[in-house]
Amino acid sequence: MINRTLVRTKIIQTLFAYYKKENQSSLQARKDLLNSFSSTYSLYMMLLAFADELTTYAEKQIEVNKARAAVLHQSYTPNRNFVNNRVAQHIFNNRRLRSYIEDQHLIWDTGMSAVEAIYKQLIQTPFYAEYMQLEHPSYEDDKRIWRKIYSTLLIDNADLSTALEDLEIALDFQGWTTDMDIVLTYIDKTIKRFSEERGDEQTLLEMFNTEDELTFAKDLLRLAIENADAYKDLIAGSLVNWEAERIAYMDNIILITALTEIIHFNNIALEVSMNEYIELAKEFSGEKSYIFINGILNKIVGDLRRENKIFKSVR
């Protein structure tokens, strides 16, 4: 689940906090990085569990409508397509998910207002109306509506963001609202792989795609901290009509991390490293910082190559 793109993001965030705190050890920075990975994975599991929360709320609404109809002596035949959705059932009954939720004490109690708000949004969507009109939804239909919920309804959802902020504080996690949209794409990929035959034993994503990703993360953080002063000198030496002190704080962090990867990880193609950190600059730094960072990196890489101090592969 956590790939190198997300690893780089977490490294940038960790280094930003590391240099802001005085007298913080590199060991604490590594601990913070690993905790941020765990927090992101907990968010993945928590958002998967949201399927049960939303389904349970829909079930309660049916009971409310039944009671109201009884009081008014009216007939009421509920449409149970959504509450009988097999994908939601398979998520809820997944033993790995249930075990993780219980072990980490992850509960939606403080986020229930978001469940109600999102349900009201859901029943107004065309894809919900289309699904509820089906006489006998197929398993693909069941998958399709949940993929729509996770990939459209919950993306940039203000009510969900507010709930996650509250849950983040209550559970003492970090980065939930920052990671929300990317984790939602991971859930969409997870549900896409569901099959009716696997039932309650659906495959969930691992925290890391491979063990190499975790090794990459630890090494990148360590080397960035160890070589920060040397890279600051490289950056200062590449400036023209500009003082190093005027470089934005985040720009420095991105440049140091980028140079660490470019110089120490020869198995990663140069344009991959360059492009990744330019995109990070667009996301986390000033409006035109990516242009500045691109220019500095090109200048330093060119100088290092002429001096035979870099052997970065080109894909």
C-alpha atoms as a PDB file:
ATOM      1  CA  MET A   1       0.000   0.000   0.000  1.00  0.00           C
ATOM      2  CA  ILE A   2       2.640   2.505   1.048  1.00  0.00           C
ATOM      3  CA  ASN A   3       4.693   2.957  -2.111  1.00  0.00           C
ATOM      4  CA  ARG A   4       7.773   5.083  -2.752  1.00  0.00           C
ATOM      5  CA  THR A   5       5.741   8.141  -3.693  1.00  0.00           C
ATOM      6  CA  LEU A   6       4.033   8.129  -0.301  1.00  0.00           C
ATOM      7  CA  VAL A   7       7.344   7.286   1.401  1.00  0.00           C
ATOM      8  CA  ARG A   8       8.905  10.455  -0.060  1.00  0.00           C
ATOM      9  CA  THR A   9       5.960  12.505   1.169  1.00  0.00           C
ATOM     10  CA  LYS A  10       6.334  11.096   4.678  1.00  0.00           C
ATOM     11  CA  ILE A  11      10.093  11.742   4.651  1.00  0.00           C
ATOM     12  CA  ILE A  12       9.524  15.391   3.702  1.00  0.00           C
ATOM     13  CA  GLN A  13       6.959  15.797   6.484  1.00  0.00           C
ATOM     14  CA  THR A  14       9.202  14.062   9.036  1.00  0.00           C
ATOM     15  CA  LEU A  15      12.253  16.157   8.142  1.00  0.00           C
ATOM     16  CA  PHE A  16      10.175  19.328   8.268  1.00  0.00           C
ATOM     17  CA  ALA A  17       9.213  18.522  11.873  1.00  0.00           C
ATOM     18  CA  TYR A  18      12.720  17.275  12.717  1.00  0.00           C
ATOM     19  CA  TYR A  19      14.430  20.548  11.829  1.00  0.00           C
ATOM     20  CA  LYS A  20      11.694  22.607  13.480  1.00  0.00           C
ATOM     21  CA  LYS A  21      12.270  20.915  16.836  1.00  0.00           C
ATOM     22  CA  GLU A  22      15.460  21.780  18.650  1.00  0.00           C
ATOM     23  CA  ASN A  23      17.676  18.965  19.917  1.00  0.00           C
ATOM     24  CA  GLN A  24      15.582  16.193  18.395  1.00  0.00           C
ATOM     25  CA  SER A  25      17.546  13.006  17.769  1.00  0.00           C
ATOM     26  CA  SER A  26      17.639  11.172  14.465  1.00  0.00           C
ATOM     27  CA  LEU A  27      16.338   8.142  16.379  1.00  0.00           C
ATOM     28  CA  GLN A  28      13.204  10.083  17.323  1.00  0.00           C
ATOM     29  CA  ALA A  29      12.792  11.212  13.720  1.00  0.00           C
ATOM     30  CA  ARG A  30      12.909   7.582  12.600  1.00  0.00           C
ATOM     31  CA  LYS A  31      10.346   6.666  15.256  1.00  0.00           C
ATOM     32  CA  ASP A  32       8.086   9.496  14.076  1.00  0.00           C
ATOM     33  CA  LEU A  33       8.413   8.283  10.486  1.00  0.00           C
ATOM     34  CA  LEU A  34       7.443   4.717  11.385  1.00  0.00           C
ATOM     35  CA  ASN A  35       4.523   6.000  13.460  1.00  0.00           C
ATOM     36  CA  SER A  36       3.309   8.021  10.483  1.00  0.00           C
ATOM     37  CA  PHE A  37       3.293   4.847   8.369  1.00  0.00           C
ATOM     38  CA  SER A  38       1.276   3.041  11.051  1.00  0.00           C
ATOM     39  CA  SER A  39      -1.147   5.958  11.228  1.00  0.00           C
ATOM     40  CA  THR A  40      -1.709   5.828   7.475  1.00  0.00           C
ATOM     41  CA  TYR A  41      -2.364   2.097   7.583  1.00  0.00           C
ATOM     42  CA  SER A  42      -4.781   2.555  10.483  1.00  0.00           C
ATOM     43  CA  LEU A  43      -6.595   5.135   8.381  1.00  0.00           C
ATOM     44  CA  TYR A  44      -6.868   2.575   5.574  1.00  0.00           C
ATOM     45  CA  MET A  45      -8.447   0.073   7.947  1.00  0.00           C
ATOM     46  CA  MET A  46     -10.676   2.700   9.554  1.00  0.00           C
ATOM     47  CA  LEU A  47     -12.017   3.890   6.208  1.00  0.00           C
ATOM     48  CA  LEU A  48     -12.680   0.295   5.176  1.00  0.00           C
ATOM     49  CA  ALA A  49     -14.666  -0.125   8.393  1.00  0.00           C
ATOM     50  CA  PHE A  50     -16.671   2.956   7.403  1.00  0.00           C
ATOM     51  CA  ALA A  51     -18.588   0.690   5.013  1.00  0.00           C
ATOM     52  CA  ASP A  52     -20.103  -1.087   8.008  1.00  0.00           C
ATOM     53  CA  GLU A  53     -20.896   2.198   9.768  1.00  0.00           C
ATOM     54  CA  LEU A  54     -22.748   3.545   6.736  1.00  0.00           C
ATOM     55  CA  THR A  55     -24.608   0.267   6.172  1.00  0.00           C
ATOM     56  CA  THR A  56     -25.608   0.055   9.841  1.00  0.00           C
ATOM     57  CA  TYR A  57     -26.927   3.608   9.717  1.00  0.00           C
ATOM     58  CA  ALA A  58     -28.954   2.758   6.585  1.00  0.00           C
ATOM     59  CA  GLU A  59     -30.402  -0.258   8.423  1.00  0.00           C
ATOM     60  CA  LYS A  60     -31.427   1.971  11.339  1.00  0.00           C
ATOM     61  CA  GLN A  61     -33.167   4.333   8.934  1.00  0.00           C
ATOM     62  CA  ILE A  62     -35.242   1.421   7.649  1.00  0.00           C
ATOM     63  CA  GLU A  63     -36.269   0.636  11.231  1.00  0.00           C
ATOM     64  CA  VAL A  64     -37.182   4.301  11.817  1.00  0.00           C
ATOM     65  CA  ASN A  65     -39.294   4.303   8.662  1.00  0.00           C
ATOM     66  CA  LYS A  66     -40.980   1.046   9.719  1.00  0.00           C
ATOM     67  CA  ALA A  67     -41.894   2.499  13.102  1.00  0.00           C
ATOM     68  CA  ARG A  68     -43.205   5.695  11.520  1.00  0.00           C
ATOM     69  CA  ALA A  69     -45.313   3.728   9.055  1.00  0.00           C
ATOM     70  CA  ALA A  70     -46.754   1.621  11.886  1.00  0.00           C
ATOM     71  CA  VAL A  71     -47.768   4.719  13.850  1.00  0.00           C
ATOM     72  CA  LEU A  72     -49.423   6.179  10.768  1.00  0.00           C
ATOM     73  CA  HIS A  73     -51.021   2.809   9.866  1.00  0.00           C
ATOM     74  CA  GLN A  74     -49.318   2.897   6.505  1.00  0.00           C
ATOM     75  CA  SER A  75     -47.800   0.024   4.546  1.00  0.00           C
ATOM     76  CA  TYR A  76     -44.035   0.124   4.135  1.00  0.00           C
ATOM     77  CA  THR A  77     -41.851  -2.199   2.075  1.00  0.00           C
ATOM     78  CA  PRO A  78     -38.196  -1.245   2.483  1.00  0.00           C
ATOM     79  CA  ASN A  79     -35.707  -1.412  -0.370  1.00  0.00           C
ATOM     80  CA  ARG A  80     -32.883  -3.479   1.110  1.00  0.00           C
ATOM     81  CA  ASN A  81     -30.471  -3.382  -1.820  1.00  0.00           C
ATOM     82  CA  PHE A  82     -27.977  -1.201   0.019  1.00  0.00           C
ATOM     83  CA  VAL A  83     -28.153  -2.850   3.439  1.00  0.00           C
ATOM     84  CA  ASN A  84     -27.870  -6.307   1.847  1.00  0.00           C
ATOM     85  CA  ASN A  85     -24.836  -5.322  -0.218  1.00  0.00           C
ATOM     86  CA  ARG A  86     -22.439  -8.295  -0.204  1.00  0.00           C
ATOM     87  CA  VAL A  87     -19.289  -6.193  -0.537  1.00  0.00           C
ATOM     88  CA  ALA A  88     -20.119  -4.326   2.679  1.00  0.00           C
ATOM     89  CA  GLN A  89     -20.799  -7.663   4.369  1.00  0.00           C
ATOM     90  CA  HIS A  90     -17.486  -9.073   3.175  1.00  0.00           C
ATOM     91  CA  ILE A  91     -15.664  -6.013   4.499  1.00  0.00           C
ATOM     92  CA  PHE A  92     -17.399  -6.228   7.865  1.00  0.00           C
ATOM     93  CA  ASN A  93     -16.786  -9.967   8.236  1.00  0.00           C
ATOM     94  CA  ASN A  94     -13.139  -9.832   7.132  1.00  0.00           C
ATOM     95  CA  ARG A  95     -11.233 -11.412  10.002  1.00  0.00           C
ATOM     96  CA  ARG A  96      -8.061  -9.478   9.366  1.00  0.00           C
ATOM     97  CA  LEU A  97      -9.914  -6.165   9.394  1.00  0.00           C
ATOM     98  CA  ARG A  98     -11.906  -7.028  12.514  1.00  0.00           C
ATOM     99  CA  SER A  99      -8.757  -8.184  14.333  1.00  0.00           C
ATOM    100  CA  TYR A 100      -6.851  -5.019  13.412  1.00  0.00           C
ATOM    101  CA  ILE A 101      -9.734  -2.735  14.422  1.00  0.00           C
ATOM    102  CA  GLU A 102     -10.039  -4.485  17.789  1.00  0.00           C
ATOM    103  CA  ASP A 103      -6.290  -4.612  18.480  1.00  0.00           C
ATOM    104  CA  GLN A 104      -5.841  -0.911  17.697  1.00  0.00           C
ATOM    105  CA  HIS A 105      -9.081   0.110  19.463  1.00  0.00           C
ATOM    106  CA  LEU A 106     -10.316   1.936  16.373  1.00  0.00           C
ATOM    107  CA  ILE A 107     -13.911   3.083  16.809  1.00  0.00           C
ATOM    108  CA  TRP A 108     -16.084   5.544  14.892  1.00  0.00           C
ATOM    109  CA  ASP A 109     -17.871   6.899  17.991  1.00  0.00           C
ATOM    110  CA  THR A 110     -16.600  10.471  17.628  1.00  0.00           C
ATOM    111  CA  GLY A 111     -17.236  10.430  13.885  1.00  0.00           C
ATOM    112  CA  MET A 112     -20.882   9.347  13.841  1.00  0.00           C
ATOM    113  CA  SER A 113     -22.146  12.790  12.836  1.00  0.00           C
ATOM    114  CA  ALA A 114     -20.196  12.356   9.585  1.00  0.00           C
ATOM    115  CA  VAL A 115     -21.851   8.977   8.974  1.00  0.00           C
ATOM    116  CA  GLU A 116     -25.283  10.615   9.153  1.00  0.00           C
ATOM    117  CA  ALA A 117     -24.240  13.545   6.949  1.00  0.00           C
ATOM    118  CA  ILE A 118     -22.636  11.305   4.324  1.00  0.00           C
ATOM    119  CA  TYR A 119     -25.656   8.991   4.240  1.00  0.00           C
ATOM    120  CA  LYS A 120     -27.868  11.988   3.449  1.00  0.00           C
ATOM    121  CA  GLN A 121     -25.446  12.951   0.668  1.00  0.00           C
ATOM    122  CA  LEU A 122     -25.379   9.382  -0.636  1.00  0.00           C
ATOM    123  CA  ILE A 123     -29.130   8.982  -1.063  1.00  0.00           C
ATOM    124  CA  GLN A 124     -29.168  12.113  -3.237  1.00  0.00           C
ATOM    125  CA  THR A 125     -26.648  10.742  -5.753  1.00  0.00           C
ATOM    126  CA  PRO A 126     -27.694   9.384  -9.162  1.00  0.00           C
ATOM    127  CA  PHE A 127     -25.540   6.253  -8.733  1.00  0.00           C
ATOM    128  CA  TYR A 128     -27.383   5.385  -5.488  1.00  0.00           C
ATOM    129  CA  ALA A 129     -30.766   5.846  -7.156  1.00  0.00           C
ATOM    130  CA  GLU A 130     -29.668   3.664 -10.062  1.00  0.00           C
ATOM    131  CA  TYR A 131     -28.438   0.942  -7.705  1.00  0.00           C
ATOM    132  CA  MET A 132     -31.613   0.949  -5.621  1.00  0.00           C
ATOM    133  CA  GLN A 133     -33.733   0.495  -8.761  1.00  0.00           C
ATOM    134  CA  LEU A 134     -32.025  -2.804  -9.604  1.00  0.00           C
ATOM    135  CA  GLU A 135     -34.253  -5.815  -9.066  1.00  0.00           C
ATOM    136  CA  HIS A 136     -31.404  -8.207  -8.292  1.00  0.00           C
ATOM    137  CA  PRO A 137     -28.017  -6.437  -7.962  1.00  0.00           C
ATOM    138  CA  SER A 138     -25.074  -8.545  -9.100  1.00  0.00           C
ATOM    139  CA  TYR A 139     -21.834  -8.749  -7.175  1.00  0.00           C
ATOM    140  CA  GLU A 140     -20.332  -6.368  -9.718  1.00  0.00           C
ATOM    141  CA  ASP A 141     -23.186  -3.951  -8.978  1.00  0.00           C
ATOM    142  CA  ASP A 142     -22.397  -4.282  -5.264  1.00  0.00           C
ATOM    143  CA  LYS A 143     -18.758  -3.504  -5.951  1.00  0.00           C
ATOM    144  CA  ARG A 144     -19.573  -0.623  -8.262  1.00  0.00           C
ATOM    145  CA  ILE A 145     -21.599   1.372  -5.752  1.00  0.00           C
ATOM    146  CA  TRP A 146     -18.947   1.084  -3.038  1.00  0.00           C
ATOM    147  CA  ARG A 147     -16.216   2.053  -5.449  1.00  0.00           C
ATOM    148  CA  LYS A 148     -18.326   5.086  -6.359  1.00  0.00           C
ATOM    149  CA  ILE A 149     -18.757   5.964  -2.687  1.00  0.00           C
ATOM    150  CA  TYR A 150     -15.038   5.772  -1.969  1.00  0.00           C
ATOM    151  CA  SER A 151     -13.801   7.302  -5.229  1.00  0.00           C
ATOM    152  CA  THR A 152     -16.289  10.159  -5.616  1.00  0.00           C
ATOM    153  CA  LEU A 153     -18.524  10.805  -2.608  1.00  0.00           C
ATOM    154  CA  LEU A 154     -15.781  10.632   0.038  1.00  0.00           C
ATOM    155  CA  ILE A 155     -13.000  12.357  -1.925  1.00  0.00           C
ATOM    156  CA  ASP A 156     -12.558  15.917  -0.580  1.00  0.00           C
ATOM    157  CA  ASN A 157     -15.584  15.369   1.655  1.00  0.00           C
ATOM    158  CA  ALA A 158     -15.672  18.101   4.311  1.00  0.00           C
ATOM    159  CA  ASP A 159     -17.765  16.049   6.749  1.00  0.00           C
ATOM    160  CA  LEU A 160     -15.360  13.125   6.532  1.00  0.00           C
ATOM    161  CA  SER A 161     -12.351  15.429   6.972  1.00  0.00           C
ATOM    162  CA  THR A 162     -13.865  16.918  10.128  1.00  0.00           C
ATOM    163  CA  ALA A 163     -14.611  13.461  11.526  1.00  0.00           C
ATOM    164  CA  LEU A 164     -11.075  12.281  10.809  1.00  0.00           C
ATOM    165  CA  GLU A 165      -9.629  15.334  12.540  1.00  0.00           C
ATOM    166  CA  ASP A 166     -11.624  14.454  15.662  1.00  0.00           C
ATOM    167  CA  LEU A 167     -10.720  10.772  15.438  1.00  0.00           C
ATOM    168  CA  GLU A 168      -7.050  11.628  14.871  1.00  0.00           C
ATOM    169  CA  ILE A 169      -6.972  13.549  18.149  1.00  0.00           C
ATOM    170  CA  ALA A 170      -8.929  10.901  20.057  1.00  0.00           C
ATOM    171  CA  LEU A 171      -6.699   8.065  18.809  1.00  0.00           C
ATOM    172  CA  ASP A 172      -3.425  10.037  18.975  1.00  0.00           C
ATOM    173  CA  PHE A 173      -2.553   9.494  15.322  1.00  0.00           C
ATOM    174  CA  GLN A 174      -1.118  11.901  12.780  1.00  0.00           C
ATOM    175  CA  GLY A 175      -1.542  12.874   9.131  1.00  0.00           C
ATOM    176  CA  TRP A 176      -5.040  11.459   8.664  1.00  0.00           C
ATOM    177  CA  THR A 177      -6.620  14.386   6.854  1.00  0.00           C
ATOM    178  CA  THR A 178      -3.473  14.841   4.737  1.00  0.00           C
ATOM    179  CA  ASP A 179      -3.548  11.201   3.653  1.00  0.00           C
ATOM    180  CA  MET A 180      -7.317  10.835   3.323  1.00  0.00           C
ATOM    181  CA  ASP A 181      -7.726  11.152  -0.439  1.00  0.00           C
ATOM    182  CA  ILE A 182      -4.788   8.923  -1.359  1.00  0.00           C
ATOM    183  CA  VAL A 183      -5.935   6.243   1.104  1.00  0.00           C
ATOM    184  CA  LEU A 184      -9.397   6.369  -0.462  1.00  0.00           C
ATOM    185  CA  THR A 185      -7.802   5.477  -3.810  1.00  0.00           C
ATOM    186  CA  TYR A 186      -6.164   2.483  -2.115  1.00  0.00           C
ATOM    187  CA  ILE A 187      -9.563   1.330  -0.850  1.00  0.00           C
ATOM    188  CA  ASP A 188     -10.999   1.658  -4.345  1.00  0.00           C
ATOM    189  CA  LYS A 189      -8.187  -0.592  -5.598  1.00  0.00           C
ATOM    190  CA  THR A 190      -8.884  -3.053  -2.779  1.00  0.00           C
ATOM    191  CA  ILE A 191     -12.583  -3.362  -3.609  1.00  0.00           C
ATOM    192  CA  LYS A 192     -11.816  -3.639  -7.317  1.00  0.00           C
ATOM    193  CA  ARG A 193      -9.954  -6.877  -6.501  1.00  0.00           C
ATOM    194  CA  PHE A 194     -12.850  -8.380  -4.503  1.00  0.00           C
ATOM    195  CA  SER A 195     -14.455 -11.541  -5.836  1.00  0.00           C
ATOM    196  CA  GLU A 196     -17.687 -13.177  -4.702  1.00  0.00           C
ATOM    197  CA  GLU A 197     -15.962 -16.555  -4.436  1.00  0.00           C
ATOM    198  CA  ARG A 198     -13.581 -15.334  -1.706  1.00  0.00           C
ATOM    199  CA  GLY A 199     -16.476 -14.241   0.477  1.00  0.00           C
ATOM    200  CA  ASP A 200     -15.284 -13.008   3.863  1.00  0.00           C
ATOM    201  CA  GLU A 201     -11.657 -13.841   3.031  1.00  0.00           C
ATOM    202  CA  GLN A 202     -11.073 -10.911   0.664  1.00  0.00           C
ATOM    203  CA  THR A 203      -7.452  -9.816   0.271  1.00  0.00           C
ATOM    204  CA  LEU A 204      -6.583  -6.499   1.923  1.00  0.00           C
ATOM    205  CA  LEU A 205      -3.503  -4.450   1.121  1.00  0.00           C
ATOM    206  CA  GLU A 206      -0.345  -4.870   3.201  1.00  0.00           C
ATOM    207  CA  MET A 207       1.177  -1.819   4.873  1.00  0.00           C
ATOM    208  CA  PHE A 208       4.078  -1.883   2.397  1.00  0.00           C
ATOM    209  CA  ASN A 209       4.056  -3.202  -1.151  1.00  0.00           C
ATOM    210  CA  THR A 210       7.407  -4.876  -0.444  1.00  0.00           C
ATOM    211  CA  GLU A 211       9.937  -4.889   2.374  1.00  0.00           C
ATOM    212  CA  ASP A 212      12.193  -2.835   0.075  1.00  0.00           C
ATOM    213  CA  GLU A 213       9.901   0.174   0.537  1.00  0.00           C
ATOM    214  CA  LEU A 214      10.453   0.189   4.298  1.00  0.00           C
ATOM    215  CA  THR A 215      14.218  -0.194   3.846  1.00  0.00           C
ATOM    216  CA  PHE A 216      14.189   2.648   1.324  1.00  0.00           C
ATOM    217  CA  ALA A 217      12.305   4.859   3.788  1.00  0.00           C
ATOM    218  CA  LYS A 218      14.686   4.209   6.698  1.00  0.00           C
ATOM    219  CA  ASP A 219      17.799   4.695   4.559  1.00  0.00           C
ATOM    220  CA  LEU A 220      16.521   7.848   2.869  1.00  0.00           C
ATOM    221  CA  LEU A 221      15.684   9.490   6.198  1.00  0.00           C
ATOM    222  CA  ARG A 222      19.003   8.496   7.789  1.00  0.00           C
ATOM    223  CA  LEU A 223      21.141   9.634   4.857  1.00  0.00           C
ATOM    224  CA  ALA A 224      19.238  12.912   4.515  1.00  0.00           C
ATOM    225  CA  ILE A 225      19.954  13.752   8.149  1.00  0.00           C
ATOM    226  CA  GLU A 226      23.587  12.582   8.030  1.00  0.00           C
ATOM    227  CA  ASN A 227      24.432  14.531   4.850  1.00  0.00           C
ATOM    228  CA  ALA A 228      22.257  17.607   5.316  1.00  0.00           C
ATOM    229  CA  ASP A 229      25.172  20.018   5.888  1.00  0.00           C
ATOM    230  CA  ALA A 230      27.057  18.799   2.816  1.00  0.00           C
ATOM    231  CA  TYR A 231      23.953  19.191   0.661  1.00  0.00           C
ATOM    232  CA  LYS A 232      23.283  22.661   2.021  1.00  0.00           C
ATOM    233  CA  ASP A 233      26.764  23.589   0.809  1.00  0.00           C
ATOM    234  CA  LEU A 234      25.992  22.140  -2.637  1.00  0.00           C
ATOM    235  CA  ILE A 235      22.774  24.141  -2.751  1.00  0.00           C
ATOM    236  CA  ALA A 236      24.479  27.364  -1.665  1.00  0.00           C
ATOM    237  CA  GLY A 237      27.212  26.852  -4.268  1.00  0.00           C
ATOM    238  CA  SER A 238      24.664  26.553  -7.050  1.00  0.00           C
ATOM    239  CA  LEU A 239      22.917  29.839  -6.335  1.00  0.00           C
ATOM    240  CA  VAL A 240      23.319  32.816  -8.646  1.00  0.00           C
ATOM    241  CA  ASN A 241      22.371  36.276  -7.359  1.00  0.00           C
ATOM    242  CA  TRP A 242      20.599  34.655  -4.450  1.00  0.00           C
ATOM    243  CA  GLU A 243      21.495  34.036  -0.803  1.00  0.00           C
ATOM    244  CA  ALA A 244      21.061  30.625   0.805  1.00  0.00           C
ATOM    245  CA  GLU A 245      19.314  32.227   3.795  1.00  0.00           C
ATOM    246  CA  ARG A 246      16.505  33.352   1.493  1.00  0.00           C
ATOM    247  CA  ILE A 247      15.596  29.832   0.368  1.00  0.00           C
ATOM    248  CA  ALA A 248      12.191  28.830   1.740  1.00  0.00           C
ATOM    249  CA  TYR A 249      12.320  26.340   4.615  1.00  0.00           C
ATOM    250  CA  MET A 250      10.321  23.689   2.770  1.00  0.00           C
ATOM    251  CA  ASP A 251      12.332  24.199  -0.423  1.00  0.00           C
ATOM    252  CA  ASN A 252      15.495  23.367   1.529  1.00  0.00           C
ATOM    253  CA  ILE A 253      13.931  20.182   2.918  1.00  0.00           C
ATOM    254  CA  ILE A 254      12.837  19.045  -0.540  1.00  0.00           C
ATOM    255  CA  LEU A 255      16.235  19.827  -2.073  1.00  0.00           C
ATOM    256  CA  ILE A 256      18.148  17.974   0.663  1.00  0.00           C
ATOM    257  CA  THR A 257      15.911  14.905   0.333  1.00  0.00           C
ATOM    258  CA  ALA A 258      16.082  14.963  -3.458  1.00  0.00           C
ATOM    259  CA  LEU A 259      19.881  15.187  -3.438  1.00  0.00           C
ATOM    260  CA  THR A 260      20.042  12.318  -0.950  1.00  0.00           C
ATOM    261  CA  GLU A 261      18.060  10.092  -3.281  1.00  0.00           C
ATOM    262  CA  ILE A 262      19.879  11.210  -6.423  1.00  0.00           C
ATOM    263  CA  ILE A 263      23.336  10.687  -4.958  1.00  0.00           C
ATOM    264  CA  HIS A 264      22.821   7.558  -2.839  1.00  0.00           C
ATOM    265  CA  PHE A 265      20.185   5.493  -4.664  1.00  0.00           C
ATOM    266  CA  ASN A 266      21.724   4.603  -8.012  1.00  0.00           C
ATOM    267  CA  ASN A 267      19.036   2.017  -8.762  1.00  0.00           C
ATOM    268  CA  ILE A 268      16.401   4.753  -9.107  1.00  0.00           C
ATOM    269  CA  ALA A 269      16.463   6.482 -12.487  1.00  0.00           C
ATOM    270  CA  LEU A 270      17.419  10.152 -12.440  1.00  0.00           C
ATOM    271  CA  GLU A 271      14.243  11.429 -14.107  1.00  0.00           C
ATOM    272  CA  VAL A 272      12.126   9.454 -11.603  1.00  0.00           C
ATOM    273  CA  SER A 273      13.848  11.140  -8.661  1.00  0.00           C
ATOM    274  CA  MET A 274      13.694  14.576 -10.291  1.00  0.00           C
ATOM    275  CA  ASN A 275      10.033  14.286 -11.231  1.00  0.00           C
ATOM    276  CA  GLU A 276       8.970  12.989  -7.823  1.00  0.00           C
ATOM    277  CA  TYR A 277      10.488  15.910  -5.925  1.00  0.00           C
ATOM    278  CA  ILE A 278       9.269  18.495  -8.404  1.00  0.00           C
ATOM    279  CA  GLU A 279       5.749  17.151  -7.825  1.00  0.00           C
ATOM    280  CA  LEU A 280       6.298  17.322  -4.069  1.00  0.00           C
ATOM    281  CA  ALA A 281       7.350  20.953  -4.444  1.00  0.00           C
ATOM    282  CA  LYS A 282       4.111  21.679  -6.300  1.00  0.00           C
ATOM    283  CA  GLU A 283       2.136  20.116  -3.459  1.00  0.00           C
ATOM    284  CA  PHE A 284       3.959  21.340  -0.368  1.00  0.00           C
ATOM    285  CA  SER A 285       5.894  24.469  -1.279  1.00  0.00           C
ATOM    286  CA  GLY A 286       5.302  27.873  -2.865  1.00  0.00           C
ATOM    287  CA  GLU A 287       3.502  28.423  -6.151  1.00  0.00           C
ATOM    288  CA  LYS A 288       6.694  28.673  -8.235  1.00  0.00           C
ATOM    289  CA  SER A 289       9.031  26.733  -5.968  1.00  0.00           C
ATOM    290  CA  TYR A 290       9.060  23.734  -8.285  1.00  0.00           C
ATOM    291  CA  ILE A 291      10.701  25.872 -10.991  1.00  0.00           C
ATOM    292  CA  PHE A 292      13.398  26.994  -8.542  1.00  0.00           C
ATOM    293  CA  ILE A 293      13.943  23.445  -7.251  1.00  0.00           C
ATOM    294  CA  ASN A 294      14.120  22.026 -10.763  1.00  0.00           C
ATOM    295  CA  GLY A 295      16.778  24.588 -11.709  1.00  0.00           C
ATOM    296  CA  ILE A 296      18.901  23.964  -8.604  1.00  0.00           C
ATOM    297  CA  LEU A 297      18.755  20.180  -9.001  1.00  0.00           C
ATOM    298  CA  ASN A 298      19.696  20.354 -12.684  1.00  0.00           C
ATOM    299  CA  LYS A 299      22.640  22.634 -11.877  1.00  0.00           C
ATOM    300  CA  ILE A 300      23.956  20.406  -9.065  1.00  0.00           C
ATOM    301  CA  VAL A 301      23.461  17.159 -11.004  1.00  0.00           C
ATOM    302  CA  GLY A 302      25.261  18.623 -14.013  1.00  0.00           C
ATOM    303  CA  ASP A 303      28.208  19.731 -11.856  1.00  0.00           C
ATOM    304  CA  LEU A 304      28.446  16.356 -10.100  1.00  0.00           C
ATOM    305  CA  ARG A 305      28.406  14.482 -13.376  1.00  0.00           C
ATOM    306  CA  ARG A 306      31.184  16.603 -14.832  1.00  0.00           C
ATOM    307  CA  GLU A 307      33.208  15.859 -11.701  1.00  0.00           C
ATOM    308  CA  ASN A 308      32.389  12.124 -11.951  1.00  0.00           C
ATOM    309  CA  LYS A 309      30.786  12.225  -8.510  1.00  0.00           C
ATOM    310  CA  ILE A 310      27.417  10.853  -9.536  1.00  0.00           C
ATOM    311  CA  PHE A 311      26.517   7.716 -11.436  1.00  0.00           C
ATOM    312  CA  LYS A 312      22.745   7.990 -11.613  1.00  0.00           C
ATOM    313  CA  SER A 313      21.052   5.774 -14.177  1.00  0.00           C
ATOM    314  CA  VAL A 314      18.875   7.291 -16.873  1.00  0.00           C
ATOM    315  CA  ARG A 315      15.762   5.329 -17.834  1.00  0.00           C
END
